[in-house]
Amino acid sequence: MGSILYIRQCPPRGGDTLFASMVAAYESLSERMKIYLDGLTALHDGETTYRGLYADAGVADKPSYPRAEHPVVRTHPVTGNKALYVNRGFTRHIIGIPRDESDAMLAYLYQHAENPLFQCRFRWSENAIAFWDNRCVQHRAMWDYWPLTRAGTRVTVKGERPV
């Protein structure tokens, strides 16, 4: 449903988080594109994202990573707003269409969702807290503060299955 991030320690600059409204991204699509996307589902798979990610730190991989089929456009259970529900990190392909068409459509949707018009940038300070709705927002942490440290605690609140 959502995530809460509390930052105890942050660098004097850098380490911002970008948040993007997937409701705004969906609403800005043409009506023809909305009709095309309606009813499509996509495979979301964490395998290629997580497999071997922490090998250098001596952390063993899990036997398998989560995968699920989700709608390409989901309806928010509280507001009723529609939102794009695909992302570069986990969405592998749109089910039921040729792979080349899926790849092209996903590339378009990823680029569209990254439009700065849909984004806000959160600048962290020590003891700051951010709470976001994972049902309609994507986020991206900027890793531009090496060798400094950003440390905190994140809690994810379980929600319902996307529809």
C-alpha atoms as a PDB file:
ATOM      1  CA  MET A   1       0.000   0.000   0.000  1.00  0.00           C
ATOM      2  CA  GLY A   2       2.644   2.450   1.008  1.00  0.00           C
ATOM      3  CA  SER A   3       6.105   2.959   2.405  1.00  0.00           C
ATOM      4  CA  ILE A   4       7.493   5.079   5.203  1.00  0.00           C
ATOM      5  CA  LEU A   5      11.161   6.037   5.215  1.00  0.00           C
ATOM      6  CA  TYR A   6      12.858   7.660   8.182  1.00  0.00           C
ATOM      7  CA  ILE A   7      16.368   9.003   7.532  1.00  0.00           C
ATOM      8  CA  ARG A   8      18.632   9.235  10.583  1.00  0.00           C
ATOM      9  CA  GLN A   9      21.810  10.174   8.742  1.00  0.00           C
ATOM     10  CA  CYS A  10      22.216  11.892   5.402  1.00  0.00           C
ATOM     11  CA  PRO A  11      24.964  13.608   3.458  1.00  0.00           C
ATOM     12  CA  PRO A  12      25.027  17.420   3.359  1.00  0.00           C
ATOM     13  CA  ARG A  13      23.958  17.221  -0.306  1.00  0.00           C
ATOM     14  CA  GLY A  14      22.731  14.522  -2.647  1.00  0.00           C
ATOM     15  CA  GLY A  15      20.681  11.444  -1.880  1.00  0.00           C
ATOM     16  CA  ASP A  16      17.366  13.026  -2.868  1.00  0.00           C
ATOM     17  CA  THR A  17      14.384  10.864  -3.761  1.00  0.00           C
ATOM     18  CA  LEU A  18      12.316  11.532  -6.876  1.00  0.00           C
ATOM     19  CA  PHE A  19       8.611  10.706  -6.641  1.00  0.00           C
ATOM     20  CA  ALA A  20       6.425  10.493  -9.746  1.00  0.00           C
ATOM     21  CA  SER A  21       2.627  10.462  -9.885  1.00  0.00           C
ATOM     22  CA  MET A  22       1.463   7.560 -12.013  1.00  0.00           C
ATOM     23  CA  VAL A  23      -2.054   9.033 -11.903  1.00  0.00           C
ATOM     24  CA  ALA A  24      -0.750  12.163 -13.653  1.00  0.00           C
ATOM     25  CA  ALA A  25       1.196   9.975 -16.086  1.00  0.00           C
ATOM     26  CA  TYR A  26      -1.936   7.966 -16.926  1.00  0.00           C
ATOM     27  CA  GLU A  27      -4.186  11.019 -17.209  1.00  0.00           C
ATOM     28  CA  SER A  28      -1.837  12.664 -19.712  1.00  0.00           C
ATOM     29  CA  LEU A  29      -2.031   9.716 -22.130  1.00  0.00           C
ATOM     30  CA  SER A  30      -4.215  10.030 -25.221  1.00  0.00           C
ATOM     31  CA  GLU A  31      -7.665   8.475 -25.078  1.00  0.00           C
ATOM     32  CA  ARG A  32      -6.614   5.952 -27.753  1.00  0.00           C
ATOM     33  CA  MET A  33      -3.641   4.865 -25.639  1.00  0.00           C
ATOM     34  CA  LYS A  34      -5.855   4.506 -22.544  1.00  0.00           C
ATOM     35  CA  ILE A  35      -8.216   2.267 -24.545  1.00  0.00           C
ATOM     36  CA  TYR A  36      -5.289   0.171 -25.808  1.00  0.00           C
ATOM     37  CA  LEU A  37      -3.861  -0.336 -22.310  1.00  0.00           C
ATOM     38  CA  ASP A  38      -7.205  -1.094 -20.656  1.00  0.00           C
ATOM     39  CA  GLY A  39      -7.334  -4.742 -19.630  1.00  0.00           C
ATOM     40  CA  LEU A  40      -3.666  -5.538 -20.367  1.00  0.00           C
ATOM     41  CA  THR A  41      -1.594  -7.314 -17.730  1.00  0.00           C
ATOM     42  CA  ALA A  42       2.161  -7.503 -17.320  1.00  0.00           C
ATOM     43  CA  LEU A  43       4.600  -9.852 -15.652  1.00  0.00           C
ATOM     44  CA  HIS A  44       6.497  -8.282 -12.741  1.00  0.00           C
ATOM     45  CA  ASP A  45       9.563 -10.280 -11.694  1.00  0.00           C
ATOM     46  CA  GLY A  46      12.253  -9.505  -9.110  1.00  0.00           C
ATOM     47  CA  GLU A  47      14.613 -12.271 -10.241  1.00  0.00           C
ATOM     48  CA  THR A  48      16.871 -10.257 -12.561  1.00  0.00           C
ATOM     49  CA  THR A  49      16.808  -7.251 -10.232  1.00  0.00           C
ATOM     50  CA  TYR A  50      17.837  -9.081  -7.058  1.00  0.00           C
ATOM     51  CA  ARG A  51      19.771 -12.205  -8.133  1.00  0.00           C
ATOM     52  CA  GLY A  52      23.416 -11.644  -7.126  1.00  0.00           C
ATOM     53  CA  LEU A  53      22.795  -8.041  -6.032  1.00  0.00           C
ATOM     54  CA  TYR A  54      24.455  -8.453  -2.627  1.00  0.00           C
ATOM     55  CA  ALA A  55      27.004 -11.145  -3.526  1.00  0.00           C
ATOM     56  CA  ASP A  56      29.917  -8.756  -2.865  1.00  0.00           C
ATOM     57  CA  ALA A  57      28.620  -8.297   0.687  1.00  0.00           C
ATOM     58  CA  GLY A  58      28.465 -12.063   1.259  1.00  0.00           C
ATOM     59  CA  VAL A  59      24.654 -12.209   1.259  1.00  0.00           C
ATOM     60  CA  ALA A  60      23.296 -15.395  -0.281  1.00  0.00           C
ATOM     61  CA  ASP A  61      20.518 -15.274  -2.843  1.00  0.00           C
ATOM     62  CA  LYS A  62      17.060 -16.587  -2.055  1.00  0.00           C
ATOM     63  CA  PRO A  63      16.049 -19.752  -3.918  1.00  0.00           C
ATOM     64  CA  SER A  64      13.546 -17.649  -5.895  1.00  0.00           C
ATOM     65  CA  TYR A  65      12.261 -14.077  -6.000  1.00  0.00           C
ATOM     66  CA  PRO A  66       8.686 -12.835  -6.189  1.00  0.00           C
ATOM     67  CA  ARG A  67       6.885 -12.623  -9.501  1.00  0.00           C
ATOM     68  CA  ALA A  68       3.301 -11.662 -10.207  1.00  0.00           C
ATOM     69  CA  GLU A  69       0.949 -10.583 -12.949  1.00  0.00           C
ATOM     70  CA  HIS A  70      -0.515  -7.102 -12.470  1.00  0.00           C
ATOM     71  CA  PRO A  71      -2.686  -4.836 -14.602  1.00  0.00           C
ATOM     72  CA  VAL A  72      -0.792  -2.308 -16.714  1.00  0.00           C
ATOM     73  CA  VAL A  73      -3.306   0.277 -15.479  1.00  0.00           C
ATOM     74  CA  ARG A  74      -4.598  -0.124 -11.943  1.00  0.00           C
ATOM     75  CA  THR A  75      -7.479   1.569 -10.165  1.00  0.00           C
ATOM     76  CA  HIS A  76      -6.746   3.112  -6.778  1.00  0.00           C
ATOM     77  CA  PRO A  77      -9.029   1.390  -4.231  1.00  0.00           C
ATOM     78  CA  VAL A  78      -9.708   4.592  -2.282  1.00  0.00           C
ATOM     79  CA  THR A  79      -9.814   7.393  -4.866  1.00  0.00           C
ATOM     80  CA  GLY A  80     -10.912   5.380  -7.898  1.00  0.00           C
ATOM     81  CA  ASN A  81      -8.221   7.110  -9.972  1.00  0.00           C
ATOM     82  CA  LYS A  82      -6.461   5.101 -12.655  1.00  0.00           C
ATOM     83  CA  ALA A  83      -2.665   4.939 -12.635  1.00  0.00           C
ATOM     84  CA  LEU A  84       0.053   3.360 -14.755  1.00  0.00           C
ATOM     85  CA  TYR A  85       1.396   0.287 -12.986  1.00  0.00           C
ATOM     86  CA  VAL A  86       4.626  -0.604 -14.804  1.00  0.00           C
ATOM     87  CA  ASN A  87       8.238   0.177 -13.942  1.00  0.00           C
ATOM     88  CA  ARG A  88      11.732  -0.443 -15.322  1.00  0.00           C
ATOM     89  CA  GLY A  89      12.885  -2.400 -12.289  1.00  0.00           C
ATOM     90  CA  PHE A  90      10.321  -5.193 -12.275  1.00  0.00           C
ATOM     91  CA  THR A  91       8.012  -5.183 -15.305  1.00  0.00           C
ATOM     92  CA  ARG A  92       9.342  -7.752 -17.787  1.00  0.00           C
ATOM     93  CA  HIS A  93       6.690  -7.918 -20.515  1.00  0.00           C
ATOM     94  CA  ILE A  94       3.039  -7.336 -21.320  1.00  0.00           C
ATOM     95  CA  ILE A  95       1.190 -10.629 -21.460  1.00  0.00           C
ATOM     96  CA  GLY A  96      -0.682 -11.648 -24.615  1.00  0.00           C
ATOM     97  CA  ILE A  97       1.032  -9.421 -27.177  1.00  0.00           C
ATOM     98  CA  PRO A  98       4.155 -10.128 -29.253  1.00  0.00           C
ATOM     99  CA  ARG A  99       7.415  -9.546 -27.398  1.00  0.00           C
ATOM    100  CA  ASP A 100       8.625  -6.808 -29.769  1.00  0.00           C
ATOM    101  CA  GLU A 101       5.337  -4.925 -29.329  1.00  0.00           C
ATOM    102  CA  SER A 102       5.543  -5.385 -25.548  1.00  0.00           C
ATOM    103  CA  ASP A 103       9.143  -4.129 -25.450  1.00  0.00           C
ATOM    104  CA  ALA A 104       8.260  -1.056 -27.529  1.00  0.00           C
ATOM    105  CA  MET A 105       5.155  -0.259 -25.469  1.00  0.00           C
ATOM    106  CA  LEU A 106       6.963  -0.669 -22.155  1.00  0.00           C
ATOM    107  CA  ALA A 107       9.861   1.497 -23.349  1.00  0.00           C
ATOM    108  CA  TYR A 108       7.350   4.197 -24.252  1.00  0.00           C
ATOM    109  CA  LEU A 109       5.512   3.907 -20.923  1.00  0.00           C
ATOM    110  CA  TYR A 110       8.755   3.994 -18.890  1.00  0.00           C
ATOM    111  CA  GLN A 111       9.943   7.106 -20.705  1.00  0.00           C
ATOM    112  CA  HIS A 112       6.508   8.703 -20.368  1.00  0.00           C
ATOM    113  CA  ALA A 113       6.371   7.979 -16.611  1.00  0.00           C
ATOM    114  CA  GLU A 114       9.777   9.624 -16.114  1.00  0.00           C
ATOM    115  CA  ASN A 115       8.590  12.995 -17.421  1.00  0.00           C
ATOM    116  CA  PRO A 116       9.670  15.690 -14.908  1.00  0.00           C
ATOM    117  CA  LEU A 117       6.162  17.186 -15.105  1.00  0.00           C
ATOM    118  CA  PHE A 118       4.920  14.226 -13.019  1.00  0.00           C
ATOM    119  CA  GLN A 119       7.722  14.421 -10.442  1.00  0.00           C
ATOM    120  CA  CYS A 120       8.609  16.082  -7.209  1.00  0.00           C
ATOM    121  CA  ARG A 121      12.025  15.906  -5.577  1.00  0.00           C
ATOM    122  CA  PHE A 122      12.375  15.280  -1.842  1.00  0.00           C
ATOM    123  CA  ARG A 123      15.572  16.629  -0.269  1.00  0.00           C
ATOM    124  CA  TRP A 124      16.428  14.666   2.808  1.00  0.00           C
ATOM    125  CA  SER A 125      17.612  16.101   6.092  1.00  0.00           C
ATOM    126  CA  GLU A 126      18.469  14.224   9.255  1.00  0.00           C
ATOM    127  CA  ASN A 127      15.377  12.840  11.017  1.00  0.00           C
ATOM    128  CA  ALA A 128      13.133  13.497   8.020  1.00  0.00           C
ATOM    129  CA  ILE A 129      10.247  11.147   7.235  1.00  0.00           C
ATOM    130  CA  ALA A 130       8.570  10.469   3.888  1.00  0.00           C
ATOM    131  CA  PHE A 131       5.360   8.453   3.476  1.00  0.00           C
ATOM    132  CA  TRP A 132       4.197   7.570  -0.029  1.00  0.00           C
ATOM    133  CA  ASP A 133       1.414   5.587  -1.650  1.00  0.00           C
ATOM    134  CA  ASN A 134       2.932   2.734  -3.689  1.00  0.00           C
ATOM    135  CA  ARG A 135      -0.409   2.220  -5.436  1.00  0.00           C
ATOM    136  CA  CYS A 136      -0.014   5.396  -7.476  1.00  0.00           C
ATOM    137  CA  VAL A 137       3.545   6.689  -7.025  1.00  0.00           C
ATOM    138  CA  GLN A 138       6.930   5.518  -8.260  1.00  0.00           C
ATOM    139  CA  HIS A 139      10.108   6.568  -6.529  1.00  0.00           C
ATOM    140  CA  ARG A 140      13.789   6.621  -7.338  1.00  0.00           C
ATOM    141  CA  ALA A 141      16.611   7.272  -4.906  1.00  0.00           C
ATOM    142  CA  MET A 142      19.536   9.250  -6.265  1.00  0.00           C
ATOM    143  CA  TRP A 143      22.848   7.553  -5.468  1.00  0.00           C
ATOM    144  CA  ASP A 144      24.970  10.670  -5.944  1.00  0.00           C
ATOM    145  CA  TYR A 145      26.621  11.006  -2.549  1.00  0.00           C
ATOM    146  CA  TRP A 146      29.454   8.440  -2.583  1.00  0.00           C
ATOM    147  CA  PRO A 147      31.478   7.989  -0.384  1.00  0.00           C
ATOM    148  CA  LEU A 148      29.137   9.593   2.165  1.00  0.00           C
ATOM    149  CA  THR A 149      26.331   7.693   3.893  1.00  0.00           C
ATOM    150  CA  ARG A 150      22.569   7.921   3.972  1.00  0.00           C
ATOM    151  CA  ALA A 151      21.034   5.625   6.593  1.00  0.00           C
ATOM    152  CA  GLY A 152      17.564   5.083   7.921  1.00  0.00           C
ATOM    153  CA  THR A 153      14.697   2.686   8.394  1.00  0.00           C
ATOM    154  CA  ARG A 154      12.014   1.782   5.885  1.00  0.00           C
ATOM    155  CA  VAL A 155       8.658   0.183   6.600  1.00  0.00           C
ATOM    156  CA  THR A 156       6.345  -1.054   3.873  1.00  0.00           C
ATOM    157  CA  VAL A 157       2.632  -1.336   4.621  1.00  0.00           C
ATOM    158  CA  LYS A 158       0.944  -4.308   2.966  1.00  0.00           C
ATOM    159  CA  GLY A 159      -1.947  -3.439   0.680  1.00  0.00           C
ATOM    160  CA  GLU A 160      -4.432  -5.190  -1.525  1.00  0.00           C
ATOM    161  CA  ARG A 161      -3.795  -6.931  -4.824  1.00  0.00           C
ATOM    162  CA  PRO A 162      -3.782  -4.399  -7.722  1.00  0.00           C
ATOM    163  CA  VAL A 163      -6.951  -4.231  -9.836  1.00  0.00           C
END
